[in-house]
């Protein structure tokens, strides 16, 4: 393998095809989660990995370092890319945590595996950055199903009711204490007054 990796170019092109088709047919809504730092690192990792899959920088990679490494490189990447495309087809119109995880983990595995197989130091580094940020953002941007939202609403309602009951109990307890202290004060005043009267009479 030379500085130009045409196997990596094929992998990147195949990975990009379902993303481009999906972006054309589906209008992208506003993301549910915003994290500027994570998004910047995700984009840096994404485009760096795509470039390093195709172009090998001099003195930063060592090439295939064991027998049949090239065969393993092609076979495993082919399986990962095939799985990635199948997930796109099977979960095309579905949203959920499973889809977000699979479609973020599989390309991360492609980049990490490719970098490890050709011993490309920058590709491995940027693949780790991309994997961490891309999986994190994908999970955070996963829309919740209506059932989960209804469960969260019920839980929030129960928590509000419990907190309201707790406040009422605390108020009732404080009222009882205040009344008890007032009664106690009045009783002590009456007792003191009675003693004074007895002393004056005697």
N, C-alpha and C. Protein backbone atom coordinates (compact mmCIF):
# COMPACT_ATOMS: atom_id res chain seq x y z
N UNK A 1 0.84 -1.20 0.00
CA UNK A 1 0.00 0.00 0.00
C UNK A 1 0.88 1.25 0.00
N UNK A 2 0.50 2.20 -0.82
CA UNK A 2 1.25 3.45 -0.92
C UNK A 2 0.55 4.54 -0.09
N UNK A 3 0.87 5.79 -0.40
CA UNK A 3 0.25 6.90 0.33
C UNK A 3 -1.24 7.02 0.03
N UNK A 4 -1.69 6.45 -1.11
CA UNK A 4 -3.11 6.50 -1.47
C UNK A 4 -3.75 5.13 -1.21
N UNK A 5 -4.76 5.11 -0.36
CA UNK A 5 -5.44 3.86 0.01
C UNK A 5 -6.79 3.80 -0.71
N UNK A 6 -6.84 3.13 -1.82
CA UNK A 6 -8.09 3.07 -2.57
C UNK A 6 -9.11 2.15 -1.91
N UNK A 7 -8.66 1.21 -1.07
CA UNK A 7 -9.62 0.40 -0.29
C UNK A 7 -10.35 1.30 0.70
N UNK A 8 -9.61 2.17 1.35
CA UNK A 8 -10.24 3.11 2.27
C UNK A 8 -11.18 4.06 1.57
N UNK A 9 -10.84 4.46 0.34
CA UNK A 9 -11.73 5.33 -0.42
C UNK A 9 -13.06 4.64 -0.71
N UNK A 10 -13.00 3.36 -1.08
CA UNK A 10 -14.24 2.61 -1.34
C UNK A 10 -15.09 2.52 -0.08
N UNK A 11 -14.45 2.27 1.07
CA UNK A 11 -15.18 2.17 2.33
C UNK A 11 -15.87 3.48 2.67
N UNK A 12 -15.15 4.59 2.53
CA UNK A 12 -15.72 5.90 2.85
C UNK A 12 -16.88 6.23 1.92
N UNK A 13 -16.74 5.94 0.64
CA UNK A 13 -17.82 6.23 -0.31
C UNK A 13 -19.07 5.43 0.02
N UNK A 14 -18.90 4.15 0.33
CA UNK A 14 -20.07 3.31 0.65
C UNK A 14 -20.75 3.80 1.93
N UNK A 15 -19.95 4.20 2.93
CA UNK A 15 -20.54 4.71 4.17
C UNK A 15 -21.31 6.00 3.93
N UNK A 16 -20.83 6.82 3.02
CA UNK A 16 -21.47 8.11 2.78
C UNK A 16 -22.76 8.00 1.98
N UNK A 17 -22.90 6.95 1.17
CA UNK A 17 -24.08 6.85 0.29
C UNK A 17 -25.39 6.88 1.07
N UNK A 18 -25.63 5.99 2.07
CA UNK A 18 -26.92 6.06 2.79
C UNK A 18 -27.11 7.36 3.55
N UNK A 19 -26.04 7.96 4.03
CA UNK A 19 -26.17 9.24 4.74
C UNK A 19 -26.62 10.34 3.80
N UNK A 20 -26.08 10.36 2.58
CA UNK A 20 -26.48 11.38 1.61
C UNK A 20 -27.92 11.18 1.18
N UNK A 21 -28.31 9.94 0.91
CA UNK A 21 -29.69 9.66 0.49
C UNK A 21 -30.67 10.02 1.59
N UNK A 22 -30.33 9.69 2.82
CA UNK A 22 -31.22 9.99 3.95
C UNK A 22 -31.34 11.50 4.15
N UNK A 23 -30.23 12.22 4.00
CA UNK A 23 -30.26 13.67 4.17
C UNK A 23 -31.10 14.34 3.08
N UNK A 24 -31.10 13.77 1.87
CA UNK A 24 -31.89 14.34 0.78
C UNK A 24 -33.38 14.09 0.98
N UNK A 25 -33.74 12.89 1.43
CA UNK A 25 -35.15 12.52 1.54
C UNK A 25 -35.78 12.93 2.87
N UNK A 26 -34.99 13.20 3.86
CA UNK A 26 -35.53 13.57 5.16
C UNK A 26 -35.01 14.96 5.55
N UNK A 27 -35.95 15.81 5.90
CA UNK A 27 -35.58 17.15 6.34
C UNK A 27 -35.05 17.08 7.76
N UNK A 28 -33.87 17.57 7.94
CA UNK A 28 -33.25 17.51 9.27
C UNK A 28 -33.88 18.55 10.18
N UNK A 29 -34.43 18.08 11.31
CA UNK A 29 -34.99 18.99 12.29
C UNK A 29 -33.92 19.52 13.23
N UNK A 30 -34.37 20.34 14.14
CA UNK A 30 -33.43 20.91 15.11
C UNK A 30 -32.95 19.80 16.05
N UNK A 31 -31.67 19.73 16.31
CA UNK A 31 -31.16 18.69 17.21
C UNK A 31 -31.69 18.88 18.63
N UNK A 32 -31.89 17.76 19.31
CA UNK A 32 -32.41 17.81 20.67
C UNK A 32 -31.35 18.22 21.67
N UNK A 33 -30.09 18.00 21.33
CA UNK A 33 -29.01 18.25 22.28
C UNK A 33 -27.97 19.16 21.62
N UNK A 34 -27.53 20.15 22.36
CA UNK A 34 -26.52 21.09 21.85
C UNK A 34 -25.31 21.08 22.79
N UNK A 35 -24.17 20.80 22.21
CA UNK A 35 -22.91 20.88 22.94
C UNK A 35 -21.84 21.29 21.94
N UNK A 36 -21.50 22.56 21.97
CA UNK A 36 -20.61 23.12 20.95
C UNK A 36 -19.25 22.42 20.93
N UNK A 37 -18.70 22.17 22.09
CA UNK A 37 -17.37 21.54 22.16
C UNK A 37 -17.42 20.13 21.58
N UNK A 38 -18.41 19.35 21.99
CA UNK A 38 -18.53 17.98 21.48
C UNK A 38 -18.78 17.96 19.99
N UNK A 39 -19.60 18.88 19.49
CA UNK A 39 -19.89 18.93 18.05
C UNK A 39 -18.65 19.31 17.25
N UNK A 40 -17.85 20.23 17.75
CA UNK A 40 -16.62 20.62 17.05
C UNK A 40 -15.66 19.44 16.96
N UNK A 41 -15.45 18.75 18.09
CA UNK A 41 -14.55 17.60 18.09
C UNK A 41 -15.09 16.46 17.24
N UNK A 42 -16.41 16.32 17.20
CA UNK A 42 -17.01 15.28 16.35
C UNK A 42 -16.71 15.55 14.88
N UNK A 43 -16.90 16.79 14.45
CA UNK A 43 -16.64 17.14 13.05
C UNK A 43 -15.16 17.02 12.70
N UNK A 44 -14.29 17.44 13.63
CA UNK A 44 -12.85 17.30 13.39
C UNK A 44 -12.49 15.83 13.24
N UNK A 45 -13.00 14.99 14.16
CA UNK A 45 -12.72 13.56 14.08
C UNK A 45 -13.29 12.92 12.84
N UNK A 46 -14.50 13.33 12.44
CA UNK A 46 -15.15 12.75 11.26
C UNK A 46 -14.34 12.99 9.99
N UNK A 47 -14.05 14.26 9.71
CA UNK A 47 -13.39 14.59 8.45
C UNK A 47 -11.92 14.16 8.45
N UNK A 48 -11.29 14.17 9.62
CA UNK A 48 -9.92 13.68 9.69
C UNK A 48 -9.87 12.18 9.42
N UNK A 49 -10.81 11.43 9.97
CA UNK A 49 -10.85 9.98 9.72
C UNK A 49 -11.13 9.68 8.25
N UNK A 50 -12.07 10.40 7.67
CA UNK A 50 -12.38 10.17 6.26
C UNK A 50 -11.17 10.47 5.37
N UNK A 51 -10.44 11.53 5.71
CA UNK A 51 -9.26 11.86 4.91
C UNK A 51 -8.14 10.85 5.12
N UNK A 52 -7.93 10.43 6.38
CA UNK A 52 -6.84 9.50 6.68
C UNK A 52 -7.16 8.07 6.24
N UNK A 53 -8.42 7.78 5.99
CA UNK A 53 -8.76 6.47 5.41
C UNK A 53 -8.26 6.38 3.97
N UNK A 54 -8.12 7.52 3.32
CA UNK A 54 -7.74 7.55 1.90
C UNK A 54 -6.27 7.91 1.72
N UNK A 55 -5.83 8.88 2.49
CA UNK A 55 -4.45 9.37 2.33
C UNK A 55 -3.61 9.00 3.56
N UNK A 56 -2.51 8.34 3.31
CA UNK A 56 -1.59 7.95 4.38
C UNK A 56 -0.47 8.99 4.47
N UNK A 57 -0.39 9.66 5.61
CA UNK A 57 0.63 10.68 5.79
C UNK A 57 2.00 10.02 5.99
N UNK A 58 3.01 10.54 5.35
CA UNK A 58 4.35 9.95 5.50
C UNK A 58 4.83 9.96 6.95
N UNK A 59 5.51 8.89 7.34
CA UNK A 59 6.11 8.73 8.65
C UNK A 59 5.09 8.64 9.79
N UNK A 60 3.80 8.45 9.47
CA UNK A 60 2.79 8.31 10.52
C UNK A 60 2.08 6.96 10.45
N UNK A 61 2.44 6.13 9.49
CA UNK A 61 1.81 4.82 9.36
C UNK A 61 2.88 3.82 8.93
N UNK A 62 2.62 2.54 9.23
CA UNK A 62 3.61 1.49 8.97
C UNK A 62 3.13 0.43 7.98
N UNK A 63 1.85 0.47 7.64
CA UNK A 63 1.32 -0.51 6.70
C UNK A 63 0.95 -1.82 7.38
N UNK A 64 0.58 -2.81 6.59
CA UNK A 64 0.19 -4.12 7.12
C UNK A 64 1.42 -4.80 7.72
N UNK A 65 1.29 -5.27 8.95
CA UNK A 65 2.46 -5.75 9.69
C UNK A 65 2.41 -7.23 10.03
N UNK A 66 1.49 -8.01 9.42
CA UNK A 66 1.51 -9.46 9.58
C UNK A 66 0.96 -10.10 8.32
N UNK A 67 1.17 -11.39 8.19
CA UNK A 67 0.77 -12.10 6.98
C UNK A 67 -0.76 -12.12 6.87
N UNK A 68 -1.23 -11.95 5.67
CA UNK A 68 -2.67 -11.90 5.35
C UNK A 68 -3.39 -10.73 6.04
N UNK A 69 -2.64 -9.75 6.47
CA UNK A 69 -3.27 -8.58 7.10
C UNK A 69 -4.17 -7.83 6.12
N UNK A 70 -3.75 -7.78 4.88
CA UNK A 70 -4.55 -7.11 3.86
C UNK A 70 -5.88 -7.81 3.66
N UNK A 71 -5.87 -9.14 3.67
CA UNK A 71 -7.12 -9.90 3.52
C UNK A 71 -8.04 -9.65 4.71
N UNK A 72 -7.47 -9.66 5.91
CA UNK A 72 -8.27 -9.39 7.11
C UNK A 72 -8.83 -7.97 7.07
N UNK A 73 -8.01 -7.03 6.64
CA UNK A 73 -8.43 -5.63 6.53
C UNK A 73 -9.63 -5.50 5.60
N UNK A 74 -9.56 -6.11 4.44
CA UNK A 74 -10.65 -6.01 3.46
C UNK A 74 -11.89 -6.76 3.95
N UNK A 75 -11.71 -7.95 4.50
CA UNK A 75 -12.85 -8.78 4.90
C UNK A 75 -13.62 -8.14 6.06
N UNK A 76 -12.91 -7.73 7.09
CA UNK A 76 -13.59 -7.16 8.26
C UNK A 76 -14.26 -5.84 7.92
N UNK A 77 -13.58 -4.99 7.15
CA UNK A 77 -14.20 -3.73 6.75
C UNK A 77 -15.42 -3.97 5.87
N UNK A 78 -15.36 -4.98 5.00
CA UNK A 78 -16.52 -5.30 4.16
C UNK A 78 -17.70 -5.73 5.02
N UNK A 79 -17.46 -6.54 6.05
CA UNK A 79 -18.53 -6.98 6.95
C UNK A 79 -19.11 -5.81 7.73
N UNK A 80 -18.24 -4.94 8.22
CA UNK A 80 -18.72 -3.78 8.99
C UNK A 80 -19.54 -2.83 8.11
N UNK A 81 -19.07 -2.59 6.90
CA UNK A 81 -19.80 -1.70 5.98
C UNK A 81 -21.12 -2.33 5.57
N UNK A 82 -21.11 -3.64 5.32
CA UNK A 82 -22.35 -4.33 4.97
C UNK A 82 -23.35 -4.25 6.11
N UNK A 83 -22.90 -4.45 7.34
CA UNK A 83 -23.78 -4.34 8.50
C UNK A 83 -24.32 -2.93 8.64
N UNK A 84 -23.48 -1.95 8.37
CA UNK A 84 -23.89 -0.55 8.44
C UNK A 84 -25.00 -0.25 7.43
N UNK A 85 -24.83 -0.71 6.21
CA UNK A 85 -25.86 -0.48 5.18
C UNK A 85 -27.15 -1.24 5.50
N UNK A 86 -27.03 -2.45 6.02
CA UNK A 86 -28.22 -3.22 6.39
C UNK A 86 -29.00 -2.54 7.51
N UNK A 87 -28.29 -1.99 8.47
CA UNK A 87 -28.97 -1.28 9.55
C UNK A 87 -29.72 -0.07 8.99
N UNK A 88 -29.12 0.63 8.04
CA UNK A 88 -29.80 1.75 7.41
C UNK A 88 -31.09 1.29 6.72
N UNK A 89 -31.01 0.18 6.02
CA UNK A 89 -32.18 -0.31 5.28
C UNK A 89 -33.27 -0.79 6.25
N UNK A 90 -32.89 -1.55 7.25
CA UNK A 90 -33.87 -2.13 8.17
C UNK A 90 -34.52 -1.08 9.08
N UNK A 91 -33.75 -0.08 9.48
CA UNK A 91 -34.25 0.93 10.41
C UNK A 91 -34.39 2.30 9.74
N UNK A 92 -34.70 2.29 8.46
CA UNK A 92 -34.72 3.54 7.68
C UNK A 92 -35.70 4.56 8.24
N UNK A 93 -36.93 4.14 8.49
CA UNK A 93 -37.97 5.05 8.97
C UNK A 93 -38.23 4.92 10.46
N UNK A 94 -37.31 4.35 11.17
CA UNK A 94 -37.47 4.18 12.62
C UNK A 94 -36.44 5.03 13.36
N UNK A 95 -36.85 5.50 14.50
CA UNK A 95 -35.95 6.25 15.37
C UNK A 95 -35.93 5.57 16.73
N UNK A 96 -34.77 5.56 17.32
CA UNK A 96 -34.65 4.94 18.62
C UNK A 96 -33.20 4.80 19.03
N UNK A 97 -33.02 4.35 20.26
CA UNK A 97 -31.68 4.22 20.80
C UNK A 97 -30.87 3.17 20.05
N UNK A 98 -31.52 2.06 19.65
CA UNK A 98 -30.81 1.00 18.93
C UNK A 98 -30.22 1.51 17.63
N UNK A 99 -31.01 2.25 16.87
CA UNK A 99 -30.53 2.80 15.59
C UNK A 99 -29.39 3.79 15.82
N UNK A 100 -29.53 4.65 16.82
CA UNK A 100 -28.49 5.63 17.10
C UNK A 100 -27.18 4.96 17.49
N UNK A 101 -27.27 3.93 18.31
CA UNK A 101 -26.06 3.24 18.75
C UNK A 101 -25.38 2.51 17.60
N UNK A 102 -26.17 1.74 16.83
CA UNK A 102 -25.57 0.96 15.76
C UNK A 102 -24.95 1.83 14.68
N UNK A 103 -25.65 2.90 14.30
CA UNK A 103 -25.15 3.76 13.22
C UNK A 103 -24.02 4.68 13.67
N UNK A 104 -23.75 4.73 14.95
CA UNK A 104 -22.59 5.49 15.43
C UNK A 104 -21.43 4.58 15.81
N UNK A 105 -21.74 3.37 16.27
CA UNK A 105 -20.67 2.45 16.68
C UNK A 105 -20.00 1.81 15.46
N UNK A 106 -20.78 1.42 14.45
CA UNK A 106 -20.20 0.72 13.30
C UNK A 106 -19.17 1.56 12.53
N UNK A 107 -19.46 2.81 12.15
CA UNK A 107 -18.41 3.58 11.47
C UNK A 107 -17.22 3.86 12.37
N UNK A 108 -17.45 3.99 13.66
CA UNK A 108 -16.34 4.17 14.59
C UNK A 108 -15.44 2.94 14.60
N UNK A 109 -16.07 1.76 14.54
CA UNK A 109 -15.29 0.52 14.46
C UNK A 109 -14.50 0.43 13.16
N UNK A 110 -15.09 0.90 12.08
CA UNK A 110 -14.39 0.89 10.79
C UNK A 110 -13.12 1.73 10.87
N UNK A 111 -13.25 2.93 11.40
CA UNK A 111 -12.08 3.83 11.48
C UNK A 111 -11.02 3.28 12.43
N UNK A 112 -11.46 2.80 13.60
CA UNK A 112 -10.51 2.27 14.57
C UNK A 112 -9.80 1.03 14.04
N UNK A 113 -10.57 0.13 13.45
CA UNK A 113 -9.98 -1.10 12.92
C UNK A 113 -9.01 -0.81 11.78
N UNK A 114 -9.40 0.10 10.90
CA UNK A 114 -8.53 0.44 9.77
C UNK A 114 -7.23 1.06 10.25
N UNK A 115 -7.34 1.97 11.22
CA UNK A 115 -6.14 2.57 11.75
C UNK A 115 -5.23 1.58 12.44
N UNK A 116 -5.81 0.61 13.15
CA UNK A 116 -5.00 -0.41 13.82
C UNK A 116 -4.36 -1.36 12.81
N UNK A 117 -5.06 -1.68 11.73
CA UNK A 117 -4.53 -2.65 10.76
C UNK A 117 -3.37 -2.09 9.94
N UNK A 118 -3.43 -0.82 9.63
CA UNK A 118 -2.32 -0.24 8.86
C UNK A 118 -1.35 0.52 9.77
N UNK A 119 -1.59 0.44 11.07
CA UNK A 119 -0.73 1.09 12.06
C UNK A 119 -0.58 2.58 11.78
N UNK A 120 -1.73 3.23 11.56
CA UNK A 120 -1.74 4.67 11.31
C UNK A 120 -2.04 5.38 12.63
N UNK A 121 -1.05 6.04 13.16
CA UNK A 121 -1.21 6.69 14.47
C UNK A 121 -2.26 7.80 14.44
N UNK A 122 -2.22 8.73 13.48
CA UNK A 122 -3.24 9.79 13.48
C UNK A 122 -4.65 9.26 13.24
N UNK A 123 -4.80 8.22 12.43
CA UNK A 123 -6.12 7.67 12.20
C UNK A 123 -6.69 7.05 13.47
N UNK A 124 -5.88 6.37 14.24
CA UNK A 124 -6.35 5.79 15.50
C UNK A 124 -6.75 6.90 16.47
N UNK A 125 -5.93 7.94 16.56
CA UNK A 125 -6.22 9.04 17.49
C UNK A 125 -7.53 9.74 17.12
N UNK A 126 -7.68 10.10 15.86
CA UNK A 126 -8.90 10.79 15.43
C UNK A 126 -10.11 9.86 15.47
N UNK A 127 -9.90 8.57 15.27
CA UNK A 127 -11.00 7.61 15.37
C UNK A 127 -11.53 7.53 16.80
N UNK A 128 -10.64 7.60 17.78
CA UNK A 128 -11.06 7.60 19.19
C UNK A 128 -11.85 8.87 19.50
N UNK A 129 -11.36 10.00 19.01
CA UNK A 129 -12.08 11.27 19.23
C UNK A 129 -13.45 11.21 18.59
N UNK A 130 -13.52 10.73 17.35
CA UNK A 130 -14.79 10.65 16.65
C UNK A 130 -15.74 9.68 17.34
N UNK A 131 -15.25 8.53 17.74
CA UNK A 131 -16.11 7.52 18.38
C UNK A 131 -16.73 8.07 19.66
N UNK A 132 -15.92 8.67 20.51
CA UNK A 132 -16.43 9.18 21.79
C UNK A 132 -17.48 10.25 21.60
N UNK A 133 -17.21 11.22 20.74
CA UNK A 133 -18.14 12.34 20.56
C UNK A 133 -19.35 11.95 19.72
N UNK A 134 -19.15 11.14 18.69
CA UNK A 134 -20.26 10.78 17.80
C UNK A 134 -21.27 9.89 18.52
N UNK A 135 -20.81 8.92 19.26
CA UNK A 135 -21.73 8.06 20.01
C UNK A 135 -22.47 8.87 21.07
N UNK A 136 -21.74 9.73 21.76
CA UNK A 136 -22.36 10.56 22.81
C UNK A 136 -23.45 11.46 22.24
N UNK A 137 -23.15 12.16 21.15
CA UNK A 137 -24.13 13.07 20.56
C UNK A 137 -25.30 12.31 19.96
N UNK A 138 -25.03 11.17 19.33
CA UNK A 138 -26.11 10.38 18.74
C UNK A 138 -27.10 9.90 19.80
N UNK A 139 -26.58 9.46 20.92
CA UNK A 139 -27.46 9.00 22.01
C UNK A 139 -28.27 10.16 22.58
N UNK A 140 -27.61 11.31 22.76
CA UNK A 140 -28.30 12.47 23.31
C UNK A 140 -29.38 13.00 22.37
N UNK A 141 -29.18 12.85 21.06
CA UNK A 141 -30.15 13.34 20.08
C UNK A 141 -31.21 12.31 19.72
N UNK A 142 -31.23 11.19 20.40
CA UNK A 142 -32.23 10.17 20.11
C UNK A 142 -33.60 10.63 20.60
N UNK A 143 -34.60 10.73 19.73
CA UNK A 143 -35.94 11.13 20.19
C UNK A 143 -36.56 10.03 21.04
N UNK A 144 -37.20 10.43 22.10
CA UNK A 144 -37.82 9.47 22.99
C UNK A 144 -39.18 9.06 22.45
N UNK A 145 -39.56 7.78 22.57
CA UNK A 145 -40.89 7.34 22.13
C UNK A 145 -41.97 7.93 23.02
N UNK A 146 -43.22 7.99 22.50
CA UNK A 146 -44.32 8.56 23.30
C UNK A 146 -44.51 7.86 24.64
N UNK A 147 -44.28 6.53 24.68
CA UNK A 147 -44.45 5.80 25.93
C UNK A 147 -43.48 6.30 26.99
N UNK A 148 -42.23 6.50 26.58
CA UNK A 148 -41.23 6.99 27.54
C UNK A 148 -41.60 8.39 28.03
N UNK A 149 -42.10 9.24 27.11
CA UNK A 149 -42.48 10.58 27.52
C UNK A 149 -43.64 10.53 28.50
N UNK A 150 -44.65 9.65 28.23
CA UNK A 150 -45.78 9.55 29.15
C UNK A 150 -45.34 9.04 30.51
N UNK A 151 -44.38 8.11 30.51
CA UNK A 151 -43.86 7.59 31.79
C UNK A 151 -43.16 8.70 32.55
N UNK A 152 -42.37 9.50 31.84
CA UNK A 152 -41.68 10.61 32.50
C UNK A 152 -42.67 11.63 33.05
N UNK A 153 -43.75 11.89 32.30
CA UNK A 153 -44.77 12.83 32.78
C UNK A 153 -45.44 12.29 34.04
N UNK A 154 -45.75 10.99 34.03
CA UNK A 154 -46.35 10.39 35.21
C UNK A 154 -45.42 10.45 36.41
N UNK A 155 -44.16 10.14 36.18
CA UNK A 155 -43.20 10.20 37.27
C UNK A 155 -43.06 11.62 37.81
N UNK A 156 -43.04 12.60 36.91
CA UNK A 156 -42.95 13.99 37.36
C UNK A 156 -44.19 14.40 38.15
N UNK A 157 -45.38 13.93 37.69
CA UNK A 157 -46.62 14.24 38.41
C UNK A 157 -46.61 13.64 39.80
N UNK A 158 -46.15 12.38 39.90
CA UNK A 158 -46.08 11.72 41.20
C UNK A 158 -45.11 12.45 42.12
N UNK A 159 -43.96 12.86 41.56
CA UNK A 159 -42.98 13.59 42.38
C UNK A 159 -43.55 14.92 42.87
N UNK A 160 -44.29 15.62 41.99
CA UNK A 160 -44.89 16.88 42.41
C UNK A 160 -45.94 16.66 43.50
N UNK A 161 -46.75 15.61 43.35
CA UNK A 161 -47.74 15.32 44.38
C UNK A 161 -47.08 14.98 45.71
N UNK A 162 -46.04 14.15 45.64
CA UNK A 162 -45.36 13.78 46.88
C UNK A 162 -44.72 14.99 47.54
N UNK A 163 -44.12 15.86 46.74
CA UNK A 163 -43.51 17.06 47.32
C UNK A 163 -44.58 17.98 47.92
N UNK A 164 -45.76 18.07 47.26
CA UNK A 164 -46.85 18.89 47.80
C UNK A 164 -47.35 18.32 49.12
N UNK A 165 -47.53 16.98 49.18
CA UNK A 165 -47.96 16.34 50.43
C UNK A 165 -46.94 16.55 51.53
N UNK A 166 -45.66 16.47 51.16
CA UNK A 166 -44.60 16.67 52.15
C UNK A 166 -44.62 18.09 52.69
N UNK A 167 -44.85 19.06 51.82
CA UNK A 167 -44.94 20.45 52.28
C UNK A 167 -46.13 20.65 53.20
N UNK A 168 -47.26 20.04 52.84
CA UNK A 168 -48.44 20.17 53.69
C UNK A 168 -48.19 19.54 55.06
N UNK A 169 -47.53 18.39 55.07
CA UNK A 169 -47.22 17.75 56.35
C UNK A 169 -46.31 18.62 57.20
N UNK A 170 -45.30 19.20 56.54
CA UNK A 170 -44.38 20.06 57.29
C UNK A 170 -45.10 21.28 57.84
N UNK A 171 -46.01 21.86 57.04
CA UNK A 171 -46.77 23.00 57.51
C UNK A 171 -47.66 22.61 58.68
N UNK A 172 -48.32 21.45 58.55
CA UNK A 172 -49.18 20.98 59.64
C UNK A 172 -48.37 20.74 60.91
N UNK A 173 -47.21 20.13 60.75
CA UNK A 173 -46.37 19.88 61.92
C UNK A 173 -45.90 21.19 62.55
N UNK A 174 -45.53 22.15 61.71
CA UNK A 174 -45.09 23.44 62.24
C UNK A 174 -46.24 24.17 62.94
N UNK A 175 -47.48 24.06 62.37
CA UNK A 175 -48.65 24.67 63.01
C UNK A 175 -48.93 24.03 64.36
N UNK A 176 -48.83 22.71 64.42
CA UNK A 176 -49.06 22.01 65.68
C UNK A 176 -48.04 22.43 66.72
N UNK A 177 -46.77 22.55 66.28
CA UNK A 177 -45.72 22.96 67.21
C UNK A 177 -45.96 24.38 67.72
N UNK A 178 -46.36 25.27 66.79
CA UNK A 178 -46.62 26.64 67.20
C UNK A 178 -47.79 26.71 68.19
N UNK A 179 -48.85 25.96 67.90
CA UNK A 179 -49.99 25.95 68.81
C UNK A 179 -49.61 25.37 70.17
N UNK A 180 -48.83 24.30 70.12
CA UNK A 180 -48.40 23.68 71.38
C UNK A 180 -47.54 24.63 72.19
N UNK A 181 -46.64 25.34 71.50
CA UNK A 181 -45.78 26.29 72.21
C UNK A 181 -46.59 27.45 72.77
N UNK A 182 -47.61 27.91 72.02
CA UNK A 182 -48.47 28.99 72.51
C UNK A 182 -49.25 28.54 73.74
N UNK A 183 -49.82 27.33 73.63
CA UNK A 183 -50.57 26.80 74.78
C UNK A 183 -49.66 26.63 76.00
N UNK A 184 -48.48 26.17 75.74
CA UNK A 184 -47.53 25.97 76.83
C UNK A 184 -47.16 27.31 77.48
N UNK A 185 -46.98 28.33 76.62
CA UNK A 185 -46.65 29.65 77.14
C UNK A 185 -47.80 30.21 77.97
N UNK A 186 -49.01 30.06 77.44
CA UNK A 186 -50.18 30.54 78.17
C UNK A 186 -50.33 29.80 79.51
N UNK A 187 -50.11 28.50 79.46
CA UNK A 187 -50.24 27.71 80.69
C UNK A 187 -49.20 28.15 81.72
N UNK A 188 -47.98 28.36 81.27
CA UNK A 188 -46.93 28.79 82.20
C UNK A 188 -47.24 30.17 82.76
N UNK A 189 -47.80 31.05 81.89
CA UNK A 189 -48.18 32.37 82.39
C UNK A 189 -49.28 32.28 83.42
N UNK A 190 -50.27 31.43 83.16
CA UNK A 190 -51.36 31.26 84.11
C UNK A 190 -50.86 30.68 85.43
N UNK A 191 -49.99 29.70 85.35
CA UNK A 191 -49.43 29.10 86.56
C UNK A 191 -48.65 30.13 87.36
N UNK A 192 -47.85 30.91 86.62
CA UNK A 192 -47.08 31.95 87.30
C UNK A 192 -47.98 32.99 87.94
N UNK A 193 -49.04 33.38 87.24
CA UNK A 193 -49.98 34.34 87.79
C UNK A 193 -50.68 33.78 89.01
N UNK A 194 -51.04 32.48 88.93
CA UNK A 194 -51.70 31.85 90.08
C UNK A 194 -50.80 31.82 91.30
N UNK A 195 -49.55 31.53 91.10
CA UNK A 195 -48.61 31.52 92.22
C UNK A 195 -48.46 32.91 92.83
N UNK A 196 -48.41 33.91 91.96
CA UNK A 196 -48.32 35.28 92.47
C UNK A 196 -49.54 35.66 93.31
N UNK A 197 -50.74 35.28 92.83
CA UNK A 197 -51.96 35.55 93.57
C UNK A 197 -51.96 34.87 94.92
N UNK A 198 -51.48 33.61 94.93
CA UNK A 198 -51.43 32.88 96.21
C UNK A 198 -50.48 33.55 97.18
N UNK A 199 -49.35 34.03 96.66
CA UNK A 199 -48.38 34.70 97.52
C UNK A 199 -48.95 36.01 98.08
N UNK A 200 -49.68 36.75 97.23
CA UNK A 200 -50.27 38.00 97.67
C UNK A 200 -51.37 37.76 98.71
N UNK A 201 -52.14 36.71 98.53
CA UNK A 201 -53.19 36.39 99.50
C UNK A 201 -52.62 35.97 100.84
N UNK A 202 -51.51 35.21 100.76
CA UNK A 202 -50.92 34.78 102.01
C UNK A 202 -50.23 35.94 102.74
